[in-house]
Amino acid sequence: MDPRTVRGSVLDMARRNTTITLDREKVARVQALIGAGSMSEAVDAALDRLISIEELRRDVAAYSAVPLSAAELAVGDLPVELDLDDDDVDYDVLYGGEP
């Protein structure tokens, strides 16, 4: 199965029916935004996205809590040697010369 077409919960994850109280307007907005076919799909996708956002927020907070060391900051000043190995490419022919 193509993972780009799968929405909702992780494949093969155990699921069970649960009774919860939801704001139907919010669920309808989520369904419209992501094209969810069911309320369960909308809630599952919303929870997946909330989890991802909160994990990212915590990672950013953890990284920004500790300042970079002098050695880490010095990495930004290192010279960069860029070799695209494209000496045989004639960019003027490909893109029509300089603008």
Protein backbone atom coordinates (compact mmCIF):
# COMPACT_ATOMS: atom_id res chain seq x y z
CA MET A 1 0.00 0.00 0.00
CA ASP A 2 1.33 3.44 -0.93
CA PRO A 3 1.91 5.39 2.34
CA ARG A 4 1.12 8.68 0.58
CA THR A 5 -2.48 7.57 0.09
CA VAL A 6 -3.00 6.29 3.63
CA ARG A 7 -4.62 8.67 6.05
CA GLY A 8 -5.43 8.14 9.66
CA SER A 9 -4.08 5.66 12.13
CA VAL A 10 -0.98 3.58 11.75
CA LEU A 11 -1.56 0.39 9.80
CA ASP A 12 -2.03 -2.72 11.94
CA MET A 13 -2.54 -0.64 15.07
CA ALA A 14 -5.14 -2.00 17.46
CA ARG A 15 -8.26 0.13 17.48
CA ARG A 16 -11.31 0.12 19.65
CA ASN A 17 -14.58 1.98 19.73
CA THR A 18 -14.67 4.85 22.17
CA THR A 19 -17.39 7.25 23.15
CA ILE A 20 -16.28 10.88 23.33
CA THR A 21 -18.01 14.23 23.16
CA LEU A 22 -16.86 16.39 20.23
CA ASP A 23 -17.71 19.74 18.78
CA ARG A 24 -19.31 18.65 15.49
CA GLU A 25 -18.47 21.95 13.81
CA LYS A 26 -14.77 21.42 14.52
CA VAL A 27 -14.95 17.87 13.19
CA ALA A 28 -16.72 19.10 10.06
CA ARG A 29 -14.02 21.76 9.55
CA VAL A 30 -11.29 19.12 9.88
CA GLN A 31 -13.12 16.84 7.45
CA ALA A 32 -13.40 19.66 4.93
CA LEU A 33 -9.78 20.74 5.34
CA ILE A 34 -8.22 17.31 4.88
CA GLY A 35 -10.91 15.55 2.88
CA ALA A 36 -11.62 13.01 5.61
CA GLY A 37 -14.45 10.64 4.76
CA SER A 38 -15.51 9.92 8.30
CA MET A 39 -15.52 11.43 11.74
CA SER A 40 -13.06 8.77 12.93
CA GLU A 41 -10.67 9.57 10.10
CA ALA A 42 -10.87 13.29 10.89
CA VAL A 43 -10.23 12.80 14.62
CA ASP A 44 -7.40 10.34 13.95
CA ALA A 45 -5.69 12.72 11.51
CA ALA A 46 -6.14 15.66 13.89
CA LEU A 47 -4.58 13.68 16.73
CA ASP A 48 -1.66 12.58 14.51
CA ARG A 49 -1.00 16.20 13.56
CA LEU A 50 -1.29 17.43 17.14
CA ILE A 51 1.20 14.79 18.27
CA SER A 52 3.66 15.80 15.53
CA ILE A 53 3.32 19.51 16.30
CA GLU A 54 3.82 19.01 20.05
CA GLU A 55 6.84 16.74 19.51
CA LEU A 56 8.38 19.35 17.21
CA ARG A 57 7.60 22.15 19.69
CA ARG A 58 9.30 20.22 22.48
CA ASP A 59 12.33 19.45 20.29
CA VAL A 60 12.71 23.12 19.39
CA ALA A 61 12.38 24.13 23.03
CA ALA A 62 15.02 21.57 24.05
CA TYR A 63 17.46 22.74 21.39
CA SER A 64 16.98 26.41 22.17
CA ALA A 65 17.32 25.87 25.92
CA VAL A 66 21.05 25.12 25.59
CA PRO A 67 23.13 27.78 23.84
CA LEU A 68 25.56 26.64 21.17
CA SER A 69 29.16 26.19 22.24
CA ALA A 70 31.98 28.18 20.67
CA ALA A 71 33.00 25.09 18.68
CA GLU A 72 29.47 24.65 17.35
CA LEU A 73 29.26 28.31 16.39
CA ALA A 74 32.64 28.07 14.64
CA VAL A 75 31.26 25.46 12.25
CA GLY A 76 29.27 28.22 10.56
CA ASP A 77 32.52 30.05 9.76
CA LEU A 78 34.22 27.09 8.08
CA PRO A 79 34.96 27.50 4.37
CA VAL A 80 32.66 25.59 2.09
CA GLU A 81 34.06 23.84 -0.94
CA LEU A 82 31.34 23.26 -3.48
CA ASP A 83 31.97 20.94 -6.39
CA LEU A 84 28.91 19.98 -8.40
CA ASP A 85 31.05 17.84 -10.72
CA ASP A 86 29.31 19.57 -13.63
CA ASP A 87 32.23 20.89 -15.66
CA ASP A 88 30.84 19.09 -18.70
CA VAL A 89 27.43 20.82 -18.51
CA ASP A 90 26.91 23.79 -20.84
CA TYR A 91 24.41 25.87 -18.88
CA ASP A 92 24.29 28.56 -21.58
CA VAL A 93 22.93 25.98 -24.03
CA LEU A 94 20.51 24.57 -21.49
CA TYR A 95 19.18 27.88 -20.20
CA GLY A 96 19.86 30.36 -22.99
CA GLY A 97 22.80 32.29 -21.65
CA GLU A 98 22.85 34.98 -19.03
CA PRO A 99 19.70 37.02 -18.38
